[in-house]
Amino acid sequence: MEYRQLGNSGLKVSAIALGTMTIGGAGGFSKVGNVGLADARRMVDVAIEAGVNLIDTANVYSAGGSEEVIGEVLAGKRKGGMLLATKARFPMGEGPNDRGLSRWHLIRECEASLKRLQTDVIDLYQVHQWDGLTPLDETMEALDSLVRHGKVRYVGCSNYSGWHIMKAMEIARRDGRIPFVSQQIHYTLQAREAEYELIPIAIDQKLGVLVWSPIAGGLLSGKHRRNQKTPEGTRQFAGWREPPIRDEGKLWDIVDALVAIADERGVSGAQIALAWLLGRPGVTSVIIGGRTEAQIKDNLGAAAVKLTPDERARLDKVSQPPLLYPYWHQAWTAKDRLGAADLAFLAPYLEG
C-alpha cells in the first residue's frame, strides 16, 4: 500500500481508504447497503491487512448507526495507528438547530460522534456540506475550538465549491485559526467537474483530496453495460440517484473503454477506474466501500494496478470534459503564463 501526505500536514494516509456508508442500513441508506457488525468487522480486518490506515464515516450514515458499528469494530485497534475520519452537517434530529454548521450543532455532534465511535479524539473532522446560513467565521471558530480542546486533530471540508473553500481558508488564516487540511469530493471518470476548480485549488492551497464514490456508485464497476437492464442488487436498482447521469451515451463510451482495458489486464473495471483516479494530479486517497468482503477485496486490488501512458490516454480522451468559460479563453490566450495548478486541468487542451 502506498501512503500519501494529507495536504499541508505531516499526516500520511493510505492511497485507498475504507468508506462506511454501506454499514448500518437505516433510513435512506438501506439503498446503499445493510452491513452488520460481523461483516463490518471482517471488512475492516481485510482493509487493515491490505495496509489501509484510514476509515471514513459520518454521523448521518444510518442516523449514527455506521459510527456505532465502527466504534465497536475499532475498539482496541486504534493503538495500531488506524486513523478515523467522520463528518457533520446533515440533519440529526427534528429541531431547528439539529443541522447545519453552527457552533452549537458542530460541537454537539462532535461530542456525540466521539461517544458512538468509542474514542476520545477524531483524526479528521469534516464539514459534510455547505451551510449558507451560518457565517463562516462561526464555523471555522468552532472547528478550531475542537482542535484546540483535543477532540479533533485535523479538519476538512466536503462538497464545497471553489469559492466556499477559498473563503473558509482565508477566514481561518486571517483569524489565526486551523485551516482545512483536506477536501472530500466526488470525482470519477464519469464526473470530472472537480477538475475545473477543486483540483487546481487543492494543488495551489496544498489540500489533500479524498474521493468519495470513486467508481460512481458502481456505474464504473463493469457490471453496468450498454443496452442492458440495471443489475439487481445494485444501488441504482434500489433507486439511488448519485451520481446523476447527464450524458448516457458518454457514460457507456467510458464504460466500454475501461472494460476493454480491464479485460486486457484480467482485472475488474472497478480496479481500472480506481487506478485512473490514483494517478490523477492532486488525488491523495480514494474511499472504497462495499456490501461484501469480495467487493472490498476487489477494490483493494487497485493499489497494485499501474496504468500505462497509452491506457491512461485512452481513458482521458473518452472522458474529457468540455472547456467552460473562462477556461477556453485561458487555453487560447493565457498559455504563456499558466502555473502548475492551471495546467493540472488545462494541459490536455493546449496541445498544438
Foldseek 3Di string as FASTA:
>chain_A
DDWDDFFPDPDTFDQAAAEQLQDCLADPSVLLHHAYLVQVLVLVVVCVVLPGQEYEEECPRNLNRSLLSQLVSCVVVVVVRRAYEYEFADANDDDPLRGGQALVNVVVVLVVSCVSNVHQAHAEYEHEEDDPPDDLLRNQVSVQVCCVVRRYPAYAYEHDDQVVQVVNQVSCVVVVGGHHQAYEYADWLQDHPCLVHPQLCCVVRRGEYEYEPLCQQCLQFLPDAPPDDDDPPGSVVSPDCTPPHPDVVLSRLLSVLLVVVCVVVVATSLLSGSLLQSPAHRHRHYHDYDHGSVRSVRNSVSVPDHDDPVSSVSSCVSRPDDQDPPRVVCLVPVPVPDDPSNCSRCVVVNDD
